[in-house]
Amino acid sequence: MSTFGKQLRKLRIERGIGIKPLAKKLKVSHTYISHIENGRATVSNEFASKIASLFNVDKEELNLLSGRVPKDVLMAFYKHPKEALS
């Protein structure tokens, strides 16, 4: 299970929301939610942001958990690679 999927499941369960009601709120299939939670599907930045908004959590943290690095961090890395790696 991906870290993002684990976090999504944790948030969903903590708030007492089933997979089907969550899928309906996000306008996706419950199968897709299940696949995300089990690490068999990835999510876009946009979808991670929708989840963050729905659960009122930090979208950057969720994006990091989904394997995405914020653009400002990437730009800093590209501009100063030696400093980033030291």
N, C-alpha and C. Protein backbone atom coordinates (compact mmCIF):
# COMPACT_ATOMS: atom_id res chain seq x y z
N MET A 1 0.85 -1.18 0.00
CA MET A 1 0.00 0.00 0.00
C MET A 1 0.89 1.24 0.00
N SER A 2 0.57 2.20 -0.82
CA SER A 2 1.37 3.42 -0.89
C SER A 2 1.16 4.25 0.37
N THR A 3 2.11 5.13 0.63
CA THR A 3 1.98 6.02 1.77
C THR A 3 0.75 6.91 1.61
N PHE A 4 0.52 7.38 0.38
CA PHE A 4 -0.66 8.20 0.12
C PHE A 4 -1.93 7.40 0.41
N GLY A 5 -1.96 6.17 -0.07
CA GLY A 5 -3.12 5.30 0.16
C GLY A 5 -3.36 5.05 1.63
N LYS A 6 -2.29 4.82 2.37
CA LYS A 6 -2.42 4.62 3.82
C LYS A 6 -3.01 5.85 4.48
N GLN A 7 -2.51 7.02 4.07
CA GLN A 7 -3.00 8.26 4.65
C GLN A 7 -4.47 8.49 4.30
N LEU A 8 -4.83 8.21 3.07
CA LEU A 8 -6.23 8.37 2.66
C LEU A 8 -7.13 7.45 3.49
N ARG A 9 -6.74 6.20 3.61
CA ARG A 9 -7.54 5.25 4.40
C ARG A 9 -7.65 5.73 5.85
N LYS A 10 -6.54 6.18 6.42
CA LYS A 10 -6.54 6.67 7.80
C LYS A 10 -7.51 7.84 7.96
N LEU A 11 -7.42 8.81 7.06
CA LEU A 11 -8.32 9.97 7.12
C LEU A 11 -9.77 9.55 6.99
N ARG A 12 -10.03 8.66 6.06
CA ARG A 12 -11.40 8.21 5.80
C ARG A 12 -11.97 7.49 7.02
N ILE A 13 -11.19 6.59 7.60
CA ILE A 13 -11.66 5.81 8.74
C ILE A 13 -11.82 6.70 9.98
N GLU A 14 -10.86 7.59 10.21
CA GLU A 14 -10.95 8.51 11.36
C GLU A 14 -12.23 9.33 11.33
N ARG A 15 -12.67 9.64 10.14
CA ARG A 15 -13.88 10.46 10.00
C ARG A 15 -15.14 9.64 9.77
N GLY A 16 -14.98 8.33 9.81
CA GLY A 16 -16.14 7.45 9.70
C GLY A 16 -16.81 7.48 8.34
N ILE A 17 -16.02 7.67 7.29
CA ILE A 17 -16.58 7.72 5.93
C ILE A 17 -16.25 6.43 5.21
N GLY A 18 -17.26 5.79 4.64
CA GLY A 18 -17.06 4.58 3.86
C GLY A 18 -16.49 4.90 2.49
N ILE A 19 -16.00 3.88 1.82
CA ILE A 19 -15.42 4.08 0.49
C ILE A 19 -16.46 4.62 -0.49
N LYS A 20 -17.66 4.05 -0.49
CA LYS A 20 -18.68 4.50 -1.46
C LYS A 20 -19.11 5.94 -1.23
N PRO A 21 -19.39 6.36 0.02
CA PRO A 21 -19.73 7.78 0.21
C PRO A 21 -18.59 8.73 -0.17
N LEU A 22 -17.35 8.31 0.12
CA LEU A 22 -16.21 9.14 -0.26
C LEU A 22 -16.11 9.26 -1.77
N ALA A 23 -16.26 8.15 -2.45
CA ALA A 23 -16.19 8.15 -3.91
C ALA A 23 -17.27 9.06 -4.50
N LYS A 24 -18.45 9.01 -3.92
CA LYS A 24 -19.54 9.86 -4.41
C LYS A 24 -19.20 11.34 -4.22
N LYS A 25 -18.63 11.70 -3.06
CA LYS A 25 -18.25 13.09 -2.80
C LYS A 25 -17.17 13.56 -3.77
N LEU A 26 -16.27 12.65 -4.13
CA LEU A 26 -15.16 13.01 -5.01
C LEU A 26 -15.49 12.79 -6.49
N LYS A 27 -16.68 12.25 -6.75
CA LYS A 27 -17.15 11.98 -8.12
C LYS A 27 -16.23 11.03 -8.88
N VAL A 28 -15.86 9.95 -8.18
CA VAL A 28 -15.07 8.87 -8.79
C VAL A 28 -15.70 7.55 -8.36
N SER A 29 -15.23 6.45 -8.92
CA SER A 29 -15.77 5.15 -8.53
C SER A 29 -15.17 4.70 -7.20
N HIS A 30 -15.94 3.88 -6.48
CA HIS A 30 -15.41 3.35 -5.22
C HIS A 30 -14.24 2.41 -5.48
N THR A 31 -14.21 1.81 -6.67
CA THR A 31 -13.10 0.95 -7.05
C THR A 31 -11.80 1.75 -7.13
N TYR A 32 -11.89 2.95 -7.68
CA TYR A 32 -10.71 3.81 -7.78
C TYR A 32 -10.18 4.16 -6.39
N ILE A 33 -11.07 4.49 -5.46
CA ILE A 33 -10.65 4.79 -4.08
C ILE A 33 -9.95 3.57 -3.49
N SER A 34 -10.53 2.41 -3.68
CA SER A 34 -9.93 1.17 -3.18
C SER A 34 -8.55 0.95 -3.78
N HIS A 35 -8.42 1.19 -5.08
CA HIS A 35 -7.13 1.03 -5.74
C HIS A 35 -6.09 2.01 -5.19
N ILE A 36 -6.50 3.23 -4.93
CA ILE A 36 -5.58 4.21 -4.34
C ILE A 36 -5.12 3.72 -2.97
N GLU A 37 -6.07 3.32 -2.14
CA GLU A 37 -5.74 2.89 -0.79
C GLU A 37 -4.84 1.67 -0.77
N ASN A 38 -4.94 0.84 -1.79
CA ASN A 38 -4.13 -0.37 -1.85
C ASN A 38 -2.89 -0.22 -2.72
N GLY A 39 -2.59 1.01 -3.14
CA GLY A 39 -1.38 1.28 -3.89
C GLY A 39 -1.40 0.82 -5.33
N ARG A 40 -2.58 0.56 -5.87
CA ARG A 40 -2.69 0.10 -7.26
C ARG A 40 -3.07 1.21 -8.23
N ALA A 41 -3.26 2.41 -7.71
CA ALA A 41 -3.59 3.56 -8.57
C ALA A 41 -2.88 4.79 -8.01
N THR A 42 -2.50 5.67 -8.90
CA THR A 42 -1.88 6.92 -8.50
C THR A 42 -2.91 8.04 -8.58
N VAL A 43 -2.57 9.16 -8.01
CA VAL A 43 -3.48 10.31 -8.04
C VAL A 43 -2.77 11.51 -8.64
N SER A 44 -3.55 12.36 -9.25
CA SER A 44 -3.02 13.61 -9.80
C SER A 44 -2.89 14.63 -8.67
N ASN A 45 -2.14 15.69 -8.93
CA ASN A 45 -2.05 16.79 -7.96
C ASN A 45 -3.43 17.36 -7.68
N GLU A 46 -4.22 17.46 -8.74
CA GLU A 46 -5.57 18.01 -8.61
C GLU A 46 -6.43 17.14 -7.70
N PHE A 47 -6.35 15.82 -7.88
CA PHE A 47 -7.15 14.93 -7.06
C PHE A 47 -6.66 14.94 -5.61
N ALA A 48 -5.34 14.98 -5.42
CA ALA A 48 -4.79 15.07 -4.06
C ALA A 48 -5.27 16.35 -3.38
N SER A 49 -5.36 17.43 -4.14
CA SER A 49 -5.85 18.70 -3.60
C SER A 49 -7.32 18.61 -3.21
N LYS A 50 -8.12 17.90 -4.01
CA LYS A 50 -9.54 17.70 -3.67
C LYS A 50 -9.67 16.94 -2.36
N ILE A 51 -8.85 15.91 -2.20
CA ILE A 51 -8.88 15.11 -0.98
C ILE A 51 -8.45 15.98 0.21
N ALA A 52 -7.38 16.75 0.03
CA ALA A 52 -6.90 17.62 1.10
C ALA A 52 -7.98 18.61 1.52
N SER A 53 -8.66 19.18 0.55
CA SER A 53 -9.72 20.13 0.84
C SER A 53 -10.89 19.46 1.56
N LEU A 54 -11.27 18.29 1.10
CA LEU A 54 -12.38 17.57 1.71
C LEU A 54 -12.10 17.22 3.17
N PHE A 55 -10.87 16.78 3.45
CA PHE A 55 -10.51 16.37 4.80
C PHE A 55 -9.85 17.48 5.61
N ASN A 56 -9.72 18.66 5.00
CA ASN A 56 -9.12 19.81 5.66
C ASN A 56 -7.71 19.50 6.19
N VAL A 57 -6.87 18.97 5.31
CA VAL A 57 -5.48 18.68 5.64
C VAL A 57 -4.58 19.39 4.64
N ASP A 58 -3.30 19.46 4.94
CA ASP A 58 -2.33 20.16 4.11
C ASP A 58 -2.15 19.47 2.76
N LYS A 59 -2.41 20.19 1.68
CA LYS A 59 -2.32 19.57 0.35
C LYS A 59 -0.88 19.26 -0.04
N GLU A 60 0.08 20.05 0.43
CA GLU A 60 1.49 19.77 0.11
C GLU A 60 1.93 18.45 0.74
N GLU A 61 1.48 18.20 1.96
CA GLU A 61 1.82 16.92 2.61
C GLU A 61 1.24 15.75 1.82
N LEU A 62 0.00 15.88 1.40
CA LEU A 62 -0.61 14.81 0.61
C LEU A 62 0.09 14.64 -0.73
N ASN A 63 0.48 15.74 -1.35
CA ASN A 63 1.21 15.64 -2.62
C ASN A 63 2.55 14.95 -2.42
N LEU A 64 3.24 15.26 -1.33
CA LEU A 64 4.50 14.57 -1.04
C LEU A 64 4.26 13.08 -0.83
N LEU A 65 3.19 12.74 -0.13
CA LEU A 65 2.87 11.33 0.09
C LEU A 65 2.52 10.62 -1.21
N SER A 66 2.03 11.37 -2.18
CA SER A 66 1.70 10.75 -3.47
C SER A 66 2.91 10.72 -4.40
N GLY A 67 4.07 11.10 -3.87
CA GLY A 67 5.30 11.02 -4.65
C GLY A 67 5.60 12.25 -5.47
N ARG A 68 4.92 13.33 -5.19
CA ARG A 68 5.14 14.56 -5.93
C ARG A 68 5.85 15.58 -5.04
N VAL A 69 6.80 16.26 -5.64
CA VAL A 69 7.54 17.30 -4.94
C VAL A 69 6.99 18.64 -5.40
N PRO A 70 6.73 19.55 -4.45
CA PRO A 70 6.21 20.86 -4.84
C PRO A 70 7.14 21.56 -5.85
N LYS A 71 6.54 22.32 -6.76
CA LYS A 71 7.31 22.98 -7.82
C LYS A 71 8.40 23.89 -7.27
N ASP A 72 8.11 24.61 -6.18
CA ASP A 72 9.12 25.52 -5.64
C ASP A 72 10.34 24.76 -5.12
N VAL A 73 10.11 23.57 -4.57
CA VAL A 73 11.22 22.74 -4.09
C VAL A 73 12.02 22.22 -5.29
N LEU A 74 11.34 21.77 -6.32
CA LEU A 74 12.03 21.31 -7.53
C LEU A 74 12.86 22.43 -8.16
N MET A 75 12.29 23.61 -8.23
CA MET A 75 13.01 24.73 -8.82
C MET A 75 14.26 25.06 -8.01
N ALA A 76 14.15 25.04 -6.70
CA ALA A 76 15.32 25.30 -5.84
C ALA A 76 16.38 24.24 -6.07
N PHE A 77 15.96 23.00 -6.22
CA PHE A 77 16.89 21.91 -6.46
C PHE A 77 17.61 22.10 -7.80
N TYR A 78 16.87 22.44 -8.84
CA TYR A 78 17.47 22.63 -10.16
C TYR A 78 18.40 23.85 -10.20
N LYS A 79 18.04 24.89 -9.47
CA LYS A 79 18.88 26.09 -9.47
C LYS A 79 20.16 25.91 -8.65
N HIS A 80 20.07 25.10 -7.59
CA HIS A 80 21.20 24.92 -6.68
C HIS A 80 21.40 23.45 -6.34
N PRO A 81 21.72 22.62 -7.33
CA PRO A 81 21.80 21.17 -7.08
C PRO A 81 22.89 20.77 -6.08
N LYS A 82 24.03 21.45 -6.10
CA LYS A 82 25.11 21.10 -5.17
C LYS A 82 24.68 21.33 -3.73
N GLU A 83 24.04 22.45 -3.48
CA GLU A 83 23.58 22.77 -2.13
C GLU A 83 22.49 21.80 -1.68
N ALA A 84 21.64 21.42 -2.61
CA ALA A 84 20.53 20.51 -2.28
C ALA A 84 21.04 19.12 -1.92
N LEU A 85 22.15 18.73 -2.52
CA LEU A 85 22.68 17.38 -2.28
C LEU A 85 23.68 17.32 -1.14
N SER A 86 24.09 18.47 -0.62
CA SER A 86 25.10 18.45 0.45
C SER A 86 24.48 18.39 1.81
